[in-house]
C-alpha atoms as a PDB file:
ATOM      1  CA  MET A   1     173.588-165.270  23.167  1.00  0.00           C
ATOM      2  CA  SER A   2     172.748-162.337  25.180  1.00  0.00           C
ATOM      3  CA  HIS A   3     170.846-160.926  22.180  1.00  0.00           C
ATOM      4  CA  TYR A   4     168.937-164.172  21.916  1.00  0.00           C
ATOM      5  CA  ASN A   5     168.198-164.104  25.559  1.00  0.00           C
ATOM      6  CA  HIS A   6     167.136-160.530  25.284  1.00  0.00           C
ATOM      7  CA  PHE A   7     164.784-161.384  22.363  1.00  0.00           C
ATOM      8  CA  PHE A   8     163.482-164.401  24.166  1.00  0.00           C
ATOM      9  CA  ARG A   9     162.724-162.402  27.230  1.00  0.00           C
ATOM     10  CA  LYS A  10     161.010-159.704  25.107  1.00  0.00           C
ATOM     11  CA  PHE A  11     158.982-162.328  23.275  1.00  0.00           C
ATOM     12  CA  ALA A  12     158.065-163.997  26.464  1.00  0.00           C
ATOM     13  CA  ALA A  13     156.975-160.715  27.969  1.00  0.00           C
ATOM     14  CA  LEU A  14     154.915-159.933  24.873  1.00  0.00           C
ATOM     15  CA  ALA A  15     153.335-163.389  25.012  1.00  0.00           C
ATOM     16  CA  ILE A  16     152.550-162.998  28.636  1.00  0.00           C
ATOM     17  CA  SER A  17     151.109-159.542  27.958  1.00  0.00           C
ATOM     18  CA  SER A  18     148.911-160.897  25.130  1.00  0.00           C
ATOM     19  CA  ALA A  19     147.772-163.699  27.303  1.00  0.00           C
ATOM     20  CA  LEU A  20     146.905-161.245  30.020  1.00  0.00           C
ATOM     21  CA  LEU A  21     145.000-159.036  27.543  1.00  0.00           C
ATOM     22  CA  VAL A  22     143.024-161.986  26.248  1.00  0.00           C
ATOM     23  CA  SER A  23     142.359-162.995  29.768  1.00  0.00           C
ATOM     24  CA  VAL A  24     141.220-159.529  30.680  1.00  0.00           C
ATOM     25  CA  VAL A  25     138.919-159.286  27.632  1.00  0.00           C
ATOM     26  CA  SER A  26     137.613-162.729  28.271  1.00  0.00           C
ATOM     27  CA  CYS A  27     137.036-161.892  31.884  1.00  0.00           C
ATOM     28  CA  GLY A  28     135.296-158.695  30.881  1.00  0.00           C
ATOM     29  CA  LYS A  29     132.945-160.547  28.549  1.00  0.00           C
ATOM     30  CA  ASP A  30     132.290-163.215  31.164  1.00  0.00           C
ATOM     31  CA  SER A  31     131.740-160.613  33.777  1.00  0.00           C
ATOM     32  CA  SER A  32     129.312-158.762  31.550  1.00  0.00           C
ATOM     33  CA  LYS A  33     127.628-162.028  30.722  1.00  0.00           C
ATOM     34  CA  SER A  34     127.576-162.943  34.371  1.00  0.00           C
ATOM     35  CA  THR A  35     126.102-159.557  35.257  1.00  0.00           C
ATOM     36  CA  THR A  36     123.451-159.961  32.573  1.00  0.00           C
ATOM     37  CA  GLN A  37     122.731-163.465  33.687  1.00  0.00           C
ATOM     38  CA  THR A  38     122.641-162.304  37.269  1.00  0.00           C
ATOM     39  CA  LYS A  39     120.187-159.536  36.308  1.00  0.00           C
ATOM     40  CA  LYS A  40     118.148-161.966  34.262  1.00  0.00           C
ATOM     41  CA  GLY A  41     118.393-164.419  37.120  1.00  0.00           C
ATOM     42  CA  ALA A  42     117.166-161.737  39.469  1.00  0.00           C
ATOM     43  CA  ASP A  43     114.248-160.898  37.179  1.00  0.00           C
ATOM     44  CA  SER A  44     113.553-164.556  36.759  1.00  0.00           C
ATOM     45  CA  THR A  45     113.736-165.031  40.499  1.00  0.00           C
ATOM     46  CA  GLN A  46     111.417-162.080  41.007  1.00  0.00           C
ATOM     47  CA  THR A  47     109.019-163.433  38.444  1.00  0.00           C
ATOM     48  CA  SER A  48     109.277-166.850  39.936  1.00  0.00           C
ATOM     49  CA  LYS A  49     108.778-165.410  43.377  1.00  0.00           C
ATOM     50  CA  THR A  50     105.649-163.599  42.236  1.00  0.00           C
ATOM     51  CA  VAL A  51     104.272-166.784  40.813  1.00  0.00           C
ATOM     52  CA  GLU A  52     105.245-168.593  43.963  1.00  0.00           C
ATOM     53  CA  ILE A  53     103.442-166.008  46.116  1.00  0.00           C
ATOM     54  CA  ILE A  54     100.248-166.630  44.199  1.00  0.00           C
ATOM     55  CA  ALA A  55     100.773-170.331  44.557  1.00  0.00           C
ATOM     56  CA  PHE A  56     101.539-169.945  48.209  1.00  0.00           C
ATOM     57  CA  GLU A  57      98.375-167.946  48.702  1.00  0.00           C
ATOM     58  CA  ASP A  58      96.429-170.738  47.081  1.00  0.00           C
ATOM     59  CA  ASP A  59      98.163-173.221  49.343  1.00  0.00           C
ATOM     60  CA  GLY A  60      97.765-171.029  52.368  1.00  0.00           C
ATOM     61  CA  GLU A  61     101.545-170.749  52.780  1.00  0.00           C
ATOM     62  CA  THR A  62     102.994-167.216  52.705  1.00  0.00           C
ATOM     63  CA  ASP A  63     105.964-165.505  54.102  1.00  0.00           C
ATOM     64  CA  SER A  64     105.644-163.381  57.186  1.00  0.00           C
ATOM     65  CA  THR A  65     105.090-160.137  55.241  1.00  0.00           C
ATOM     66  CA  GLN A  66     102.497-161.641  52.952  1.00  0.00           C
ATOM     67  CA  LYS A  67     100.900-163.356  55.954  1.00  0.00           C
ATOM     68  CA  ASN A  68     100.660-160.047  57.792  1.00  0.00           C
ATOM     69  CA  ASN A  69      99.138-158.442  54.718  1.00  0.00           C
ATOM     70  CA  ALA A  70      96.711-161.326  54.411  1.00  0.00           C
ATOM     71  CA  VAL A  71      95.666-160.904  58.061  1.00  0.00           C
ATOM     72  CA  GLU A  72      95.115-157.197  57.543  1.00  0.00           C
ATOM     73  CA  ASP A  73      93.045-157.922  54.445  1.00  0.00           C
ATOM     74  CA  GLU A  74      90.985-160.432  56.407  1.00  0.00           C
ATOM     75  CA  ASN A  75      90.432-157.835  59.104  1.00  0.00           C
ATOM     76  CA  VAL A  76      89.277-155.327  56.535  1.00  0.00           C
ATOM     77  CA  THR A  77      87.028-157.883  54.893  1.00  0.00           C
ATOM     78  CA  THR A  78      85.676-158.980  58.252  1.00  0.00           C
ATOM     79  CA  THR A  79      85.075-155.387  59.314  1.00  0.00           C
ATOM     80  CA  THR A  80      83.314-154.642  56.047  1.00  0.00           C
ATOM     81  CA  THR A  81      81.230-157.760  56.396  1.00  0.00           C
ATOM     82  CA  THR A  82      80.464-156.897  60.006  1.00  0.00           C
ATOM     83  CA  MET A  83      79.467-153.369  59.031  1.00  0.00           C
ATOM     84  CA  THR A  84      77.307-154.752  56.254  1.00  0.00           C
ATOM     85  CA  THR A  85      75.819-157.263  58.657  1.00  0.00           C
ATOM     86  CA  LYS A  86      75.193-154.511  61.176  1.00  0.00           C
ATOM     87  CA  LYS A  87      73.518-152.416  58.512  1.00  0.00           C
ATOM     88  CA  LYS A  88      71.414-155.379  57.457  1.00  0.00           C
ATOM     89  CA  THR A  89      70.739-156.220  61.071  1.00  0.00           C
ATOM     90  CA  THR A  90      69.857-152.604  61.807  1.00  0.00           C
ATOM     91  CA  ALA A  91      67.635-152.477  58.752  1.00  0.00           C
ATOM     92  CA  THR A  92      66.052-155.783  59.721  1.00  0.00           C
ATOM     93  CA  THR A  93      65.655-154.609  63.323  1.00  0.00           C
ATOM     94  CA  ALA A  94      64.132-151.331  62.164  1.00  0.00           C
ATOM     95  CA  SER A  95      61.808-153.216  59.843  1.00  0.00           C
ATOM     96  CA  THR A  96      60.941-155.656  62.628  1.00  0.00           C
ATOM     97  CA  GLN A  97      60.362-152.756  65.014  1.00  0.00           C
ATOM     98  CA  LYS A  98      58.071-151.112  62.487  1.00  0.00           C
ATOM     99  CA  LYS A  99      56.193-154.348  61.967  1.00  0.00           C
ATOM    100  CA  THR A 100      56.102-154.917  65.714  1.00  0.00           C
ATOM    101  CA  SER A 101      54.953-151.342  66.242  1.00  0.00           C
ATOM    102  CA  LYS A 102      52.244-151.773  63.640  1.00  0.00           C
ATOM    103  CA  THR A 103      51.257-155.105  65.146  1.00  0.00           C
ATOM    104  CA  THR A 104      51.313-153.583  68.637  1.00  0.00           C
ATOM    105  CA  ALA A 105      49.332-150.607  67.394  1.00  0.00           C
ATOM    106  CA  LYS A 106      46.769-152.898  65.817  1.00  0.00           C
ATOM    107  CA  ALA A 107      46.680-155.023  68.953  1.00  0.00           C
ATOM    108  CA  THR A 108      46.282-151.864  71.049  1.00  0.00           C
ATOM    109  CA  GLU A 109      43.523-150.607  68.791  1.00  0.00           C
ATOM    110  CA  LYS A 110      41.827-153.963  68.972  1.00  0.00           C
ATOM    111  CA  THR A 111      42.261-154.076  72.755  1.00  0.00           C
ATOM    112  CA  SER A 112      40.985-150.496  73.086  1.00  0.00           C
ATOM    113  CA  ALA A 113      38.024-151.301  70.879  1.00  0.00           C
ATOM    114  CA  THR A 114      37.340-154.409  72.954  1.00  0.00           C
ATOM    115  CA  GLN A 115      37.581-152.408  76.171  1.00  0.00           C
ATOM    116  CA  ALA A 116      35.382-149.676  74.765  1.00  0.00           C
ATOM    117  CA  ALA A 117      32.681-152.089  73.646  1.00  0.00           C
ATOM    118  CA  PRO A 118      32.970-155.388  75.560  1.00  0.00           C
ATOM    119  CA  GLN A 119      30.538-158.126  74.704  1.00  0.00           C
ATOM    120  CA  ARG A 120      27.476-158.626  76.878  1.00  0.00           C
ATOM    121  CA  ASP A 121      26.858-162.094  78.258  1.00  0.00           C
ATOM    122  CA  ASN A 122      24.999-163.910  81.001  1.00  0.00           C
ATOM    123  CA  SER A 123      27.979-164.365  83.287  1.00  0.00           C
ATOM    124  CA  TYR A 124      27.048-161.547  85.665  1.00  0.00           C
ATOM    125  CA  LYS A 125      25.504-162.455  89.007  1.00  0.00           C
ATOM    126  CA  ILE A 126      23.088-160.990  91.537  1.00  0.00           C
ATOM    127  CA  VAL A 127      24.071-161.266  95.191  1.00  0.00           C
ATOM    128  CA  ASP A 128      22.225-160.326  98.388  1.00  0.00           C
ATOM    129  CA  LYS A 129      23.123-157.442 100.654  1.00  0.00           C
ATOM    130  CA  THR A 130      21.194-156.724 103.832  1.00  0.00           C
ATOM    131  CA  TYR A 131      20.635-153.558 105.818  1.00  0.00           C
ATOM    132  CA  THR A 132      19.512-154.149 109.408  1.00  0.00           C
ATOM    133  CA  ALA A 133      18.590-151.684 112.177  1.00  0.00           C
ATOM    134  CA  ALA A 134      16.491-151.312 115.349  1.00  0.00           C
ATOM    135  CA  ASP A 135      17.430-154.704 116.751  1.00  0.00           C
ATOM    136  CA  GLY A 136      16.275-156.497 113.628  1.00  0.00           C
ATOM    137  CA  GLN A 137      12.886-154.777 113.380  1.00  0.00           C
ATOM    138  CA  ILE A 138      14.167-152.945 110.322  1.00  0.00           C
ATOM    139  CA  LYS A 139      15.552-155.267 107.699  1.00  0.00           C
ATOM    140  CA  CYS A 140      16.019-154.727 104.013  1.00  0.00           C
ATOM    141  CA  THR A 141      17.657-157.096 101.539  1.00  0.00           C
ATOM    142  CA  TYR A 142      18.679-155.572  98.232  1.00  0.00           C
ATOM    143  CA  PRO A 143      20.489-156.833  95.127  1.00  0.00           C
ATOM    144  CA  GLN A 144      24.047-156.118  94.065  1.00  0.00           C
ATOM    145  CA  ILE A 145      25.280-156.883  90.582  1.00  0.00           C
ATOM    146  CA  THR A 146      28.706-158.468  90.081  1.00  0.00           C
ATOM    147  CA  GLY A 147      30.597-159.276  86.888  1.00  0.00           C
ATOM    148  CA  LEU A 148      28.566-157.012  84.623  1.00  0.00           C
ATOM    149  CA  TYR A 149      30.378-156.128  81.396  1.00  0.00           C
ATOM    150  CA  ASP A 150      29.919-152.397  82.062  1.00  0.00           C
ATOM    151  CA  GLU A 151      31.422-151.431  85.424  1.00  0.00           C
ATOM    152  CA  THR A 152      30.025-147.899  85.350  1.00  0.00           C
ATOM    153  CA  MET A 153      26.506-149.228  84.875  1.00  0.00           C
ATOM    154  CA  GLN A 154      27.080-151.792  87.592  1.00  0.00           C
ATOM    155  CA  ARG A 155      28.300-149.214  90.105  1.00  0.00           C
ATOM    156  CA  PHE A 156      25.388-146.871  89.400  1.00  0.00           C
ATOM    157  CA  TYR A 157      22.650-149.453  89.890  1.00  0.00           C
ATOM    158  CA  ASN A 158      24.312-151.039  92.896  1.00  0.00           C
ATOM    159  CA  LYS A 159      24.496-147.659  94.558  1.00  0.00           C
ATOM    160  CA  LEU A 160      20.901-146.881  93.556  1.00  0.00           C
ATOM    161  CA  PHE A 161      19.549-150.145  94.995  1.00  0.00           C
ATOM    162  CA  GLN A 162      21.490-149.712  98.217  1.00  0.00           C
ATOM    163  CA  SER A 163      20.474-146.083  98.609  1.00  0.00           C
ATOM    164  CA  GLU A 164      16.770-146.747  98.077  1.00  0.00           C
ATOM    165  CA  CYS A 165      16.789-149.608 100.546  1.00  0.00           C
ATOM    166  CA  GLU A 166      18.625-147.682 103.251  1.00  0.00           C
ATOM    167  CA  THR A 167      16.504-144.562 102.708  1.00  0.00           C
ATOM    168  CA  ALA A 168      13.224-146.476 102.965  1.00  0.00           C
ATOM    169  CA  ALA A 169      14.376-148.485 105.975  1.00  0.00           C
ATOM    170  CA  GLY A 170      15.917-145.441 107.622  1.00  0.00           C
ATOM    171  CA  ASP A 171      12.615-143.611 108.128  1.00  0.00           C
ATOM    172  CA  SER A 172      12.434-142.719 111.821  1.00  0.00           C
ATOM    173  CA  ALA A 173       8.625-143.081 111.781  1.00  0.00           C
ATOM    174  CA  LEU A 174       8.886-146.790 111.071  1.00  0.00           C
ATOM    175  CA  GLU A 175       8.054-149.351 113.695  1.00  0.00           C
ATOM    176  CA  ASN A 176       8.720-152.288 111.414  1.00  0.00           C
ATOM    177  CA  PHE A 177      10.075-152.643 107.901  1.00  0.00           C
ATOM    178  CA  SER A 178      10.926-155.560 105.672  1.00  0.00           C
ATOM    179  CA  GLY A 179      12.271-155.342 102.163  1.00  0.00           C
ATOM    180  CA  THR A 180      12.949-158.128  99.683  1.00  0.00           C
ATOM    181  CA  TYR A 181      13.479-158.452  95.955  1.00  0.00           C
ATOM    182  CA  GLU A 182      12.931-161.003  93.199  1.00  0.00           C
ATOM    183  CA  VAL A 183      14.787-161.305  89.912  1.00  0.00           C
ATOM    184  CA  LYS A 184      12.131-161.887  87.252  1.00  0.00           C
ATOM    185  CA  LEU A 185      14.261-161.737  84.090  1.00  0.00           C
ATOM    186  CA  LYS A 186      18.020-162.023  83.738  1.00  0.00           C
ATOM    187  CA  ASN A 187      19.825-162.378  80.427  1.00  0.00           C
ATOM    188  CA  LYS A 188      22.521-160.588  78.462  1.00  0.00           C
ATOM    189  CA  ASP A 189      20.041-157.994  77.171  1.00  0.00           C
ATOM    190  CA  LYS A 190      17.764-157.200  80.088  1.00  0.00           C
ATOM    191  CA  LEU A 191      17.561-157.387  83.856  1.00  0.00           C
ATOM    192  CA  SER A 192      14.162-157.011  85.521  1.00  0.00           C
ATOM    193  CA  ILE A 193      13.899-156.944  89.318  1.00  0.00           C
ATOM    194  CA  VAL A 194      10.805-156.535  91.514  1.00  0.00           C
ATOM    195  CA  PHE A 195      11.189-154.932  94.943  1.00  0.00           C
ATOM    196  CA  ARG A 196       8.588-155.800  97.570  1.00  0.00           C
ATOM    197  CA  GLN A 197       8.358-153.941 100.851  1.00  0.00           C
ATOM    198  CA  GLY A 198       6.206-154.256 103.939  1.00  0.00           C
ATOM    199  CA  VAL A 199       5.894-151.087 106.003  1.00  0.00           C
ATOM    200  CA  PHE A 200       4.410-150.567 109.453  1.00  0.00           C
ATOM    201  CA  TYR A 201       4.446-147.017 110.720  1.00  0.00           C
ATOM    202  CA  LYS A 202       4.243-146.171 114.419  1.00  0.00           C
ATOM    203  CA  GLY A 203       0.619-145.620 115.447  1.00  0.00           C
ATOM    204  CA  ALA A 204      -0.779-147.062 112.194  1.00  0.00           C
ATOM    205  CA  ALA A 205      -3.772-149.421 112.276  1.00  0.00           C
ATOM    206  CA  HIS A 206      -2.112-151.989 110.040  1.00  0.00           C
ATOM    207  CA  PRO A 207       0.972-152.494 107.892  1.00  0.00           C
ATOM    208  CA  TYR A 208       1.103-151.621 104.247  1.00  0.00           C
ATOM    209  CA  SER A 209       2.657-153.514 101.325  1.00  0.00           C
ATOM    210  CA  TYR A 210       3.710-152.261  97.943  1.00  0.00           C
ATOM    211  CA  ALA A 211       5.885-153.257  95.025  1.00  0.00           C
ATOM    212  CA  TYR A 212       7.799-151.537  92.266  1.00  0.00           C
ATOM    213  CA  ALA A 213      10.354-152.633  89.712  1.00  0.00           C
ATOM    214  CA  TYR A 214      13.441-151.732  87.722  1.00  0.00           C
ATOM    215  CA  THR A 215      13.889-153.185  84.248  1.00  0.00           C
ATOM    216  CA  ILE A 216      17.298-152.343  82.818  1.00  0.00           C
ATOM    217  CA  ASP A 217      18.241-152.380  79.176  1.00  0.00           C
ATOM    218  CA  LEU A 218      21.793-153.718  79.503  1.00  0.00           C
ATOM    219  CA  ALA A 219      22.725-152.516  76.016  1.00  0.00           C
ATOM    220  CA  THR A 220      22.154-148.849  76.928  1.00  0.00           C
ATOM    221  CA  GLY A 221      21.936-148.680  80.713  1.00  0.00           C
ATOM    222  CA  ASN A 222      18.515-147.038  80.476  1.00  0.00           C
ATOM    223  CA  THR A 223      15.485-148.332  82.332  1.00  0.00           C
ATOM    224  CA  ILE A 224      12.516-149.743  80.444  1.00  0.00           C
ATOM    225  CA  ILE A 225       8.924-149.149  81.466  1.00  0.00           C
ATOM    226  CA  PRO A 226       7.176-152.353  80.371  1.00  0.00           C
ATOM    227  CA  SER A 227       3.732-150.866  81.037  1.00  0.00           C
ATOM    228  CA  GLU A 228       4.388-148.459  78.166  1.00  0.00           C
ATOM    229  CA  SER A 229       4.350-151.452  75.816  1.00  0.00           C
ATOM    230  CA  VAL A 230       0.832-152.234  76.943  1.00  0.00           C
ATOM    231  CA  ASN A 231      -2.072-150.380  75.407  1.00  0.00           C
ATOM    232  CA  MET A 232      -3.712-148.929  78.529  1.00  0.00           C
ATOM    233  CA  ASN A 233      -7.061-148.421  76.852  1.00  0.00           C
ATOM    234  CA  LYS A 234      -7.168-152.105  75.976  1.00  0.00           C
ATOM    235  CA  ALA A 235      -5.913-152.978  79.459  1.00  0.00           C
ATOM    236  CA  ALA A 236      -8.752-151.019  81.009  1.00  0.00           C
ATOM    237  CA  GLU A 237     -11.248-152.765  78.766  1.00  0.00           C
ATOM    238  CA  ALA A 238      -9.717-156.123  79.709  1.00  0.00           C
ATOM    239  CA  ILE A 239     -10.152-155.346  83.407  1.00  0.00           C
ATOM    240  CA  LEU A 240     -13.776-154.351  82.894  1.00  0.00           C
ATOM    241  CA  ASN A 241     -14.353-157.500  80.824  1.00  0.00           C
ATOM    242  CA  ASP A 242     -12.429-159.726  83.250  1.00  0.00           C
ATOM    243  CA  SER A 243     -10.137-160.856  80.408  1.00  0.00           C
ATOM    244  CA  TRP A 244      -6.850-160.844  82.251  1.00  0.00           C
ATOM    245  CA  THR A 245      -4.648-163.323  84.123  1.00  0.00           C
ATOM    246  CA  LEU A 246      -3.809-163.048  87.797  1.00  0.00           C
ATOM    247  CA  THR A 247      -0.127-163.881  88.247  1.00  0.00           C
ATOM    248  CA  ARG A 248       0.343-162.872  91.892  1.00  0.00           C
ATOM    249  CA  SER A 249      -1.811-161.900  94.872  1.00  0.00           C
ATOM    250  CA  ALA A 250      -1.826-162.132  98.641  1.00  0.00           C
ATOM    251  CA  ASP A 251      -2.500-165.444 100.293  1.00  0.00           C
ATOM    252  CA  GLY A 252      -6.116-166.532  99.906  1.00  0.00           C
ATOM    253  CA  VAL A 253      -6.936-163.937  97.260  1.00  0.00           C
ATOM    254  CA  GLY A 254      -8.260-165.238  93.931  1.00  0.00           C
ATOM    255  CA  LYS A 255      -9.269-163.671  90.619  1.00  0.00           C
ATOM    256  CA  SER A 256     -12.927-163.411  91.591  1.00  0.00           C
ATOM    257  CA  ASP A 257     -11.990-161.299  94.572  1.00  0.00           C
ATOM    258  CA  VAL A 258     -10.003-158.947  92.359  1.00  0.00           C
ATOM    259  CA  ILE A 259     -12.821-158.758  89.773  1.00  0.00           C
ATOM    260  CA  GLU A 260     -15.247-157.744  92.503  1.00  0.00           C
ATOM    261  CA  TYR A 261     -12.865-155.032  93.587  1.00  0.00           C
ATOM    262  CA  PHE A 262     -12.419-153.646  90.051  1.00  0.00           C
ATOM    263  CA  ASN A 263     -16.128-153.707  89.294  1.00  0.00           C
ATOM    264  CA  GLN A 264     -16.756-150.908  91.780  1.00  0.00           C
ATOM    265  CA  TYR A 265     -14.783-148.485  89.632  1.00  0.00           C
ATOM    266  CA  ASP A 266     -15.567-146.882  86.325  1.00  0.00           C
ATOM    267  CA  GLU A 267     -13.313-146.951  83.275  1.00  0.00           C
ATOM    268  CA  ALA A 268     -11.740-143.530  84.029  1.00  0.00           C
ATOM    269  CA  THR A 269     -10.675-144.582  87.516  1.00  0.00           C
ATOM    270  CA  ILE A 270      -9.221-147.808  86.211  1.00  0.00           C
ATOM    271  CA  LYS A 271      -7.261-145.966  83.537  1.00  0.00           C
ATOM    272  CA  SER A 272      -5.951-143.608  86.213  1.00  0.00           C
ATOM    273  CA  ASN A 273      -4.803-146.614  88.206  1.00  0.00           C
ATOM    274  CA  LEU A 274      -2.935-147.818  85.137  1.00  0.00           C
ATOM    275  CA  SER A 275      -1.232-144.473  84.597  1.00  0.00           C
ATOM    276  CA  VAL A 276       2.568-144.456  84.170  1.00  0.00           C
ATOM    277  CA  GLU A 277       3.002-140.732  84.709  1.00  0.00           C
ATOM    278  CA  ASN A 278       5.921-139.518  86.834  1.00  0.00           C
ATOM    279  CA  VAL A 279       7.450-142.972  86.888  1.00  0.00           C
ATOM    280  CA  ILE A 280      11.095-143.172  87.930  1.00  0.00           C
ATOM    281  CA  LYS A 281      13.328-143.442  84.873  1.00  0.00           C
ATOM    282  CA  VAL A 282      17.089-143.804  84.527  1.00  0.00           C
ATOM    283  CA  LYS A 283      18.890-142.534  81.459  1.00  0.00           C
ATOM    284  CA  ASN A 284      22.519-143.083  80.501  1.00  0.00           C
ATOM    285  CA  THR A 285      24.224-140.403  78.425  1.00  0.00           C
ATOM    286  CA  ASN A 286      27.813-141.356  77.558  1.00  0.00           C
ATOM    287  CA  GLY A 287      28.378-142.926  80.962  1.00  0.00           C
ATOM    288  CA  LYS A 288      26.574-140.201  82.914  1.00  0.00           C
ATOM    289  CA  TYR A 289      23.467-141.572  84.628  1.00  0.00           C
ATOM    290  CA  THR A 290      20.492-139.420  85.578  1.00  0.00           C
ATOM    291  CA  LYS A 291      17.339-140.364  87.473  1.00  0.00           C
ATOM    292  CA  SER A 292      13.996-138.632  87.038  1.00  0.00           C
ATOM    293  CA  GLY A 293      10.451-139.170  88.360  1.00  0.00           C
ATOM    294  CA  SER A 294       9.264-140.085  91.837  1.00  0.00           C
ATOM    295  CA  VAL A 295       6.896-143.045  91.480  1.00  0.00           C
ATOM    296  CA  GLY A 296       8.339-146.534  91.363  1.00  0.00           C
ATOM    297  CA  CYS A 297       7.647-148.378  88.128  1.00  0.00           C
ATOM    298  CA  ARG A 298       4.603-150.595  88.562  1.00  0.00           C
ATOM    299  CA  SER A 299       5.513-153.100  85.878  1.00  0.00           C
ATOM    300  CA  TYR A 300       8.262-155.576  84.996  1.00  0.00           C
ATOM    301  CA  LEU A 301       9.157-158.277  82.470  1.00  0.00           C
ATOM    302  CA  ASP A 302       8.582-161.918  83.334  1.00  0.00           C
ATOM    303  CA  GLY A 303      10.865-164.803  82.439  1.00  0.00           C
ATOM    304  CA  THR A 304       9.542-164.885  78.884  1.00  0.00           C
ATOM    305  CA  GLY A 305       9.982-161.146  78.412  1.00  0.00           C
ATOM    306  CA  GLU A 306       6.265-160.350  78.627  1.00  0.00           C
ATOM    307  CA  PRO A 307       5.098-157.299  80.633  1.00  0.00           C
ATOM    308  CA  VAL A 308       3.399-157.735  83.984  1.00  0.00           C
ATOM    309  CA  LEU A 309       1.446-154.881  85.599  1.00  0.00           C
ATOM    310  CA  ILE A 310       1.374-154.202  89.350  1.00  0.00           C
ATOM    311  CA  LEU A 311      -2.105-152.901  90.228  1.00  0.00           C
ATOM    312  CA  GLU A 312      -3.216-151.416  93.535  1.00  0.00           C
ATOM    313  CA  VAL A 313      -6.067-153.016  95.408  1.00  0.00           C
ATOM    314  CA  ASN A 314      -7.383-152.566  98.944  1.00  0.00           C
ATOM    315  CA  HIS A 315      -5.555-153.747 102.047  1.00  0.00           C
ATOM    316  CA  ALA A 316      -7.914-156.685 102.494  1.00  0.00           C
ATOM    317  CA  LEU A 317      -6.714-158.047  99.132  1.00  0.00           C
ATOM    318  CA  GLY A 318      -3.072-157.501  99.970  1.00  0.00           C
ATOM    319  CA  ASP A 319      -2.576-153.884  98.745  1.00  0.00           C
ATOM    320  CA  TYR A 320      -1.520-154.934  95.231  1.00  0.00           C
ATOM    321  CA  VAL A 321      -1.873-157.683  92.636  1.00  0.00           C
ATOM    322  CA  GLU A 322       0.072-158.581  89.505  1.00  0.00           C
ATOM    323  CA  VAL A 323      -1.732-159.209  86.230  1.00  0.00           C
ATOM    324  CA  GLN A 324      -1.070-159.859  82.532  1.00  0.00           C
ATOM    325  CA  PHE A 325      -3.257-159.122  79.512  1.00  0.00           C
END
């Protein structure tokens, strides 16, 4: 009985030991399988997570790390875009500046050209200025040009007209002086002005009248001597033949009176009277004006542009007449 019990206990122990061994082996296999499954599960989870991240990005739902990375990427993209935009903007600005500069340069050139050669027109005006002295016994009215396209030309002639008037009226030997002017032709090309003066010197038997003119070529600034466009030989013949037109004379003086006066002279004397030698001339050279001669021009252009000659006659006839041929 004790032997049986001993065997039973030994068998039981062996059975328990076998059961434990099987259990251990089984546990080992399950553990290995579990580890493999866990590893595979981890890989699967990782793979799944990667797929999910892509999906989340598409859906706009990311974890905090991915979200931070996404923000950084957006910043980089934005910065790159901004830099590109700046480059484009800079390039566009530079191009615009070049175009603007070219346009400005062209505009400046055009403006400079316009300023250098402004267009002539009829908008200029002639206004009166008066010099008075000796309690009104000395009075001279002279023209001043305003609004002329060429300011240098305008200043020169304004100063010339003023100076001649004040010089003539400022003669201390004068007892009485009166000076006037008349614009005979005014257009964008030419300006022709006649100056008429009455002079009475102290101690003289009677006053004296005379006239002279300035005809300005507004394109050049030079003066024109209209009498040079008249053939003086033919003019002399016309006077001798009485084939001329009286356009101005003193009150009460007619053509017959002037014919009688001319008939007392020979052809040579008449030609001498028509002479244009030493006539005052103004020349403009690149904006520099010079005046030469000492005798006032005795001719002008009328309203139609035709020359009119100022001829001397005796005091009884008014000192001078104006004629056309």
